[in-house]
C-alpha atoms as a PDB file:
ATOM      1  CA  MET A   1     -40.093  -0.718 -40.278  1.00  0.00           C
ATOM      2  CA  ARG A   2     -36.637   0.526 -41.265  1.00  0.00           C
ATOM      3  CA  TRP A   3     -37.375   4.207 -41.418  1.00  0.00           C
ATOM      4  CA  ARG A   4     -37.488   7.164 -39.061  1.00  0.00           C
ATOM      5  CA  ALA A   5     -39.947   9.988 -38.526  1.00  0.00           C
ATOM      6  CA  TRP A   6     -38.902  13.411 -37.329  1.00  0.00           C
ATOM      7  CA  ILE A   7     -41.102  16.235 -36.172  1.00  0.00           C
ATOM      8  CA  ALA A   8     -40.015  18.920 -38.621  1.00  0.00           C
ATOM      9  CA  SER A   9     -42.036  21.960 -37.595  1.00  0.00           C
ATOM     10  CA  MET A  10     -45.049  23.343 -35.791  1.00  0.00           C
ATOM     11  CA  VAL A  11     -47.197  25.888 -37.614  1.00  0.00           C
ATOM     12  CA  ALA A  12     -50.257  27.483 -36.002  1.00  0.00           C
ATOM     13  CA  LEU A  13     -53.314  27.809 -38.251  1.00  0.00           C
ATOM     14  CA  GLY A  14     -55.813  28.406 -35.456  1.00  0.00           C
ATOM     15  CA  CYS A  15     -57.820  26.067 -33.287  1.00  0.00           C
ATOM     16  CA  SER A  16     -61.490  25.211 -33.017  1.00  0.00           C
ATOM     17  CA  ALA A  17     -62.257  23.736 -29.593  1.00  0.00           C
ATOM     18  CA  SER A  18     -65.900  24.813 -29.452  1.00  0.00           C
ATOM     19  CA  PRO A  19     -68.791  22.921 -31.079  1.00  0.00           C
ATOM     20  CA  MET A  20     -69.106  23.396 -34.842  1.00  0.00           C
ATOM     21  CA  ARG A  21     -71.714  25.801 -36.241  1.00  0.00           C
ATOM     22  CA  ALA A  22     -73.377  25.174 -39.594  1.00  0.00           C
ATOM     23  CA  GLY A  23     -70.941  25.951 -42.411  1.00  0.00           C
ATOM     24  CA  GLN A  24     -67.962  26.281 -40.065  1.00  0.00           C
ATOM     25  CA  VAL A  25     -64.711  24.686 -41.234  1.00  0.00           C
ATOM     26  CA  PRO A  26     -62.668  22.761 -38.637  1.00  0.00           C
ATOM     27  CA  ARG A  27     -59.233  24.306 -37.987  1.00  0.00           C
ATOM     28  CA  SER A  28     -56.162  22.785 -36.426  1.00  0.00           C
ATOM     29  CA  GLU A  29     -52.572  23.224 -35.439  1.00  0.00           C
ATOM     30  CA  VAL A  30     -50.189  21.542 -37.890  1.00  0.00           C
ATOM     31  CA  ARG A  31     -47.309  19.182 -37.141  1.00  0.00           C
ATOM     32  CA  ALA A  32     -45.047  17.905 -39.909  1.00  0.00           C
ATOM     33  CA  LEU A  33     -43.484  14.449 -40.069  1.00  0.00           C
ATOM     34  CA  VAL A  34     -40.635  13.814 -42.497  1.00  0.00           C
ATOM     35  CA  VAL A  35     -39.910  10.201 -43.419  1.00  0.00           C
ATOM     36  CA  ARG A  36     -37.672   8.371 -45.829  1.00  0.00           C
ATOM     37  CA  LEU A  37     -38.803   5.023 -47.143  1.00  0.00           C
ATOM     38  CA  ARG A  38     -36.039   2.670 -48.211  1.00  0.00           C
ATOM     39  CA  PRO A  39     -35.541   0.347 -51.184  1.00  0.00           C
ATOM     40  CA  GLY A  40     -37.980  -2.550 -51.317  1.00  0.00           C
ATOM     41  CA  GLU A  41     -40.578  -1.025 -48.982  1.00  0.00           C
ATOM     42  CA  ASP A  42     -44.222  -0.847 -50.055  1.00  0.00           C
ATOM     43  CA  LEU A  43     -45.177   2.845 -50.397  1.00  0.00           C
ATOM     44  CA  LYS A  44     -48.865   2.474 -49.445  1.00  0.00           C
ATOM     45  CA  ARG A  45     -48.309  -0.074 -46.702  1.00  0.00           C
ATOM     46  CA  GLU A  46     -45.602   2.062 -45.064  1.00  0.00           C
ATOM     47  CA  LEU A  47     -47.746   5.211 -45.150  1.00  0.00           C
ATOM     48  CA  ASP A  48     -50.651   3.314 -43.562  1.00  0.00           C
ATOM     49  CA  ALA A  49     -48.244   1.951 -40.919  1.00  0.00           C
ATOM     50  CA  LEU A  50     -47.040   5.499 -40.223  1.00  0.00           C
ATOM     51  CA  ALA A  51     -50.646   6.608 -39.657  1.00  0.00           C
ATOM     52  CA  GLU A  52     -51.140   3.741 -37.190  1.00  0.00           C
ATOM     53  CA  ARG A  53     -47.852   4.169 -35.362  1.00  0.00           C
ATOM     54  CA  GLU A  54     -48.146   7.958 -35.035  1.00  0.00           C
ATOM     55  CA  HIS A  55     -51.901   7.783 -34.233  1.00  0.00           C
ATOM     56  CA  ILE A  56     -52.716  10.080 -37.149  1.00  0.00           C
ATOM     57  CA  GLU A  57     -56.459  10.799 -37.174  1.00  0.00           C
ATOM     58  CA  ALA A  58     -56.161  13.555 -39.814  1.00  0.00           C
ATOM     59  CA  GLY A  59     -53.201  14.110 -42.096  1.00  0.00           C
ATOM     60  CA  ALA A  60     -52.223  15.115 -45.620  1.00  0.00           C
ATOM     61  CA  ILE A  61     -49.290  14.406 -47.898  1.00  0.00           C
ATOM     62  CA  ALA A  62     -47.436  17.705 -48.440  1.00  0.00           C
ATOM     63  CA  THR A  63     -44.836  16.326 -50.850  1.00  0.00           C
ATOM     64  CA  CYS A  64     -43.089  13.152 -51.957  1.00  0.00           C
ATOM     65  CA  VAL A  65     -40.090  12.624 -54.203  1.00  0.00           C
ATOM     66  CA  GLY A  66     -38.369   9.379 -55.015  1.00  0.00           C
ATOM     67  CA  SER A  67     -38.625   6.372 -57.263  1.00  0.00           C
ATOM     68  CA  LEU A  68     -40.447   3.068 -57.552  1.00  0.00           C
ATOM     69  CA  GLU A  69     -39.403  -0.176 -59.228  1.00  0.00           C
ATOM     70  CA  ARG A  70     -42.965  -1.471 -59.117  1.00  0.00           C
ATOM     71  CA  VAL A  71     -46.056   0.752 -59.330  1.00  0.00           C
ATOM     72  CA  ALA A  72     -49.505  -0.318 -58.071  1.00  0.00           C
ATOM     73  CA  LEU A  73     -52.428   1.888 -59.096  1.00  0.00           C
ATOM     74  CA  ARG A  74     -56.167   1.685 -59.473  1.00  0.00           C
ATOM     75  CA  PHE A  75     -57.192   3.740 -62.483  1.00  0.00           C
ATOM     76  CA  ALA A  76     -60.321   5.906 -62.630  1.00  0.00           C
ATOM     77  CA  ASP A  77     -63.606   3.988 -62.630  1.00  0.00           C
ATOM     78  CA  GLN A  78     -61.824   0.616 -62.382  1.00  0.00           C
ATOM     79  CA  HIS A  79     -62.026  -1.984 -59.613  1.00  0.00           C
ATOM     80  CA  ASP A  80     -58.764  -3.875 -60.133  1.00  0.00           C
ATOM     81  CA  THR A  81     -55.202  -2.861 -59.310  1.00  0.00           C
ATOM     82  CA  THR A  82     -52.846  -2.339 -62.257  1.00  0.00           C
ATOM     83  CA  VAL A  83     -49.212  -3.236 -61.585  1.00  0.00           C
ATOM     84  CA  ILE A  84     -46.503  -1.624 -63.705  1.00  0.00           C
ATOM     85  CA  GLU A  85     -43.029  -3.152 -63.484  1.00  0.00           C
ATOM     86  CA  GLY A  86     -39.945  -1.030 -64.106  1.00  0.00           C
ATOM     87  CA  ARG A  87     -38.298   2.051 -62.685  1.00  0.00           C
ATOM     88  CA  HIS A  88     -40.407   5.178 -62.380  1.00  0.00           C
ATOM     89  CA  GLU A  89     -39.890   8.606 -60.819  1.00  0.00           C
ATOM     90  CA  ILE A  90     -42.528   9.773 -58.359  1.00  0.00           C
ATOM     91  CA  VAL A  91     -43.702  13.117 -59.750  1.00  0.00           C
ATOM     92  CA  SER A  92     -46.607  13.581 -57.342  1.00  0.00           C
ATOM     93  CA  LEU A  93     -48.193  11.959 -54.304  1.00  0.00           C
ATOM     94  CA  VAL A  94     -51.201  13.726 -52.816  1.00  0.00           C
ATOM     95  CA  GLY A  95     -54.078  12.891 -50.545  1.00  0.00           C
ATOM     96  CA  THR A  96     -55.434  12.437 -47.064  1.00  0.00           C
ATOM     97  CA  LEU A  97     -53.863  10.075 -44.533  1.00  0.00           C
ATOM     98  CA  ALA A  98     -55.544   8.665 -41.417  1.00  0.00           C
ATOM     99  CA  ARG A  99     -55.735   5.533 -39.288  1.00  0.00           C
ATOM    100  CA  GLY A 100     -59.368   5.113 -40.294  1.00  0.00           C
ATOM    101  CA  GLY A 101     -58.701   5.225 -44.012  1.00  0.00           C
ATOM    102  CA  SER A 102     -56.510   7.099 -46.446  1.00  0.00           C
ATOM    103  CA  HIS A 103     -57.163   8.389 -49.939  1.00  0.00           C
ATOM    104  CA  LEU A 104     -53.922   8.783 -51.891  1.00  0.00           C
ATOM    105  CA  HIS A 105     -53.244   9.509 -55.561  1.00  0.00           C
ATOM    106  CA  LEU A 106     -49.868   8.896 -57.216  1.00  0.00           C
ATOM    107  CA  ALA A 107     -48.373  10.093 -60.507  1.00  0.00           C
ATOM    108  CA  VAL A 108     -45.172   8.527 -61.869  1.00  0.00           C
ATOM    109  CA  SER A 109     -43.093   8.949 -65.016  1.00  0.00           C
ATOM    110  CA  ASP A 110     -41.009   6.395 -66.885  1.00  0.00           C
ATOM    111  CA  GLY A 111     -37.574   6.781 -68.505  1.00  0.00           C
ATOM    112  CA  GLN A 112     -39.090   8.533 -71.530  1.00  0.00           C
ATOM    113  CA  GLY A 113     -41.088  10.961 -69.399  1.00  0.00           C
ATOM    114  CA  HIS A 114     -44.443   9.316 -70.037  1.00  0.00           C
ATOM    115  CA  THR A 115     -46.618   9.907 -67.001  1.00  0.00           C
ATOM    116  CA  THR A 116     -49.455   7.892 -65.534  1.00  0.00           C
ATOM    117  CA  GLY A 117     -51.350   8.132 -62.315  1.00  0.00           C
ATOM    118  CA  GLY A 118     -54.215   6.877 -60.248  1.00  0.00           C
ATOM    119  CA  HIS A 119     -55.280   5.729 -56.803  1.00  0.00           C
ATOM    120  CA  LEU A 120     -52.266   4.404 -54.842  1.00  0.00           C
ATOM    121  CA  MET A 121     -52.652   0.733 -53.948  1.00  0.00           C
ATOM    122  CA  GLU A 122     -50.544  -1.736 -51.960  1.00  0.00           C
ATOM    123  CA  GLY A 123     -47.950  -3.582 -53.996  1.00  0.00           C
ATOM    124  CA  GLY A 124     -45.785  -0.683 -55.162  1.00  0.00           C
ATOM    125  CA  ARG A 125     -42.114  -1.049 -54.246  1.00  0.00           C
ATOM    126  CA  VAL A 126     -39.597   1.760 -53.553  1.00  0.00           C
ATOM    127  CA  TYR A 127     -36.548   1.679 -55.840  1.00  0.00           C
ATOM    128  CA  THR A 128     -33.994   4.076 -54.282  1.00  0.00           C
ATOM    129  CA  THR A 129     -35.963   6.270 -51.884  1.00  0.00           C
ATOM    130  CA  ALA A 130     -39.286   7.921 -51.160  1.00  0.00           C
ATOM    131  CA  GLU A 131     -38.913  11.132 -49.180  1.00  0.00           C
ATOM    132  CA  VAL A 132     -42.320  12.046 -47.778  1.00  0.00           C
ATOM    133  CA  VAL A 133     -43.561  15.051 -45.804  1.00  0.00           C
ATOM    134  CA  VAL A 134     -46.823  14.408 -43.957  1.00  0.00           C
ATOM    135  CA  LEU A 135     -48.816  17.213 -42.335  1.00  0.00           C
ATOM    136  CA  VAL A 136     -50.719  16.118 -39.223  1.00  0.00           C
ATOM    137  CA  PHE A 137     -53.749  18.027 -37.896  1.00  0.00           C
ATOM    138  CA  PRO A 138     -54.113  17.039 -34.209  1.00  0.00           C
ATOM    139  CA  ASP A 139     -57.277  19.091 -33.575  1.00  0.00           C
ATOM    140  CA  VAL A 140     -59.463  17.359 -36.179  1.00  0.00           C
ATOM    141  CA  ARG A 141     -60.230  13.811 -37.206  1.00  0.00           C
ATOM    142  CA  TYR A 142     -61.286  12.253 -40.469  1.00  0.00           C
ATOM    143  CA  ALA A 143     -64.137   9.826 -40.872  1.00  0.00           C
ATOM    144  CA  ARG A 144     -65.244   7.941 -43.963  1.00  0.00           C
ATOM    145  CA  GLU A 145     -69.009   7.836 -44.399  1.00  0.00           C
ATOM    146  CA  LEU A 146     -71.082   6.297 -47.149  1.00  0.00           C
ATOM    147  CA  ASP A 147     -72.217   8.818 -49.743  1.00  0.00           C
ATOM    148  CA  PRO A 148     -75.496   7.295 -50.977  1.00  0.00           C
ATOM    149  CA  ARG A 149     -75.335   9.226 -54.249  1.00  0.00           C
ATOM    150  CA  TYR A 150     -72.134   7.468 -55.387  1.00  0.00           C
ATOM    151  CA  GLY A 151     -71.849   4.464 -53.084  1.00  0.00           C
ATOM    152  CA  TYR A 152     -68.355   5.324 -51.842  1.00  0.00           C
ATOM    153  CA  HIS A 153     -67.165   6.088 -48.327  1.00  0.00           C
ATOM    154  CA  GLU A 154     -66.210   9.776 -48.548  1.00  0.00           C
ATOM    155  CA  LEU A 155     -64.304  12.135 -46.262  1.00  0.00           C
ATOM    156  CA  VAL A 156     -65.989  13.869 -43.320  1.00  0.00           C
ATOM    157  CA  VAL A 157     -63.883  16.226 -41.179  1.00  0.00           C
ATOM    158  CA  ARG A 158     -64.803  16.723 -37.510  1.00  0.00           C
ATOM    159  CA  PRO A 159     -63.219  18.597 -34.620  1.00  0.00           C
ATOM    160  CA  ARG A 160     -61.558  16.404 -31.970  1.00  0.00           C
END
């Protein structure tokens, strides 16, 4: 990897060390990582590698700006990845990030301002930069469990 991560800030939101009661929402301290991805790097692959390297069990994308020269998305209710060649601005990257599985959505716009978006997939390539702020929640962990109603592995948040 040719990029660096810096701890940008610590913000206290509260902590839940005791067992969870019904209806209780897990709370956590927050740590921010700021990274810059460089030209040619795969946006999804690098974010997954960051989660592994930093041992992120529960994280979220706070913001991302930059550009891609190749976009890889899975559109709603589709199974295959759609690859779009050409330079695009990243107008939004949101989602959850964790070693055990991430769920990221990307929106990009072309040179005429036409915007498209979907589920971020591997295969997208950074054009000039991707400046990403990741919030890490060290007191909780994400799990992905099968939701029998829809057949997808969906997010479950647990205290650590």
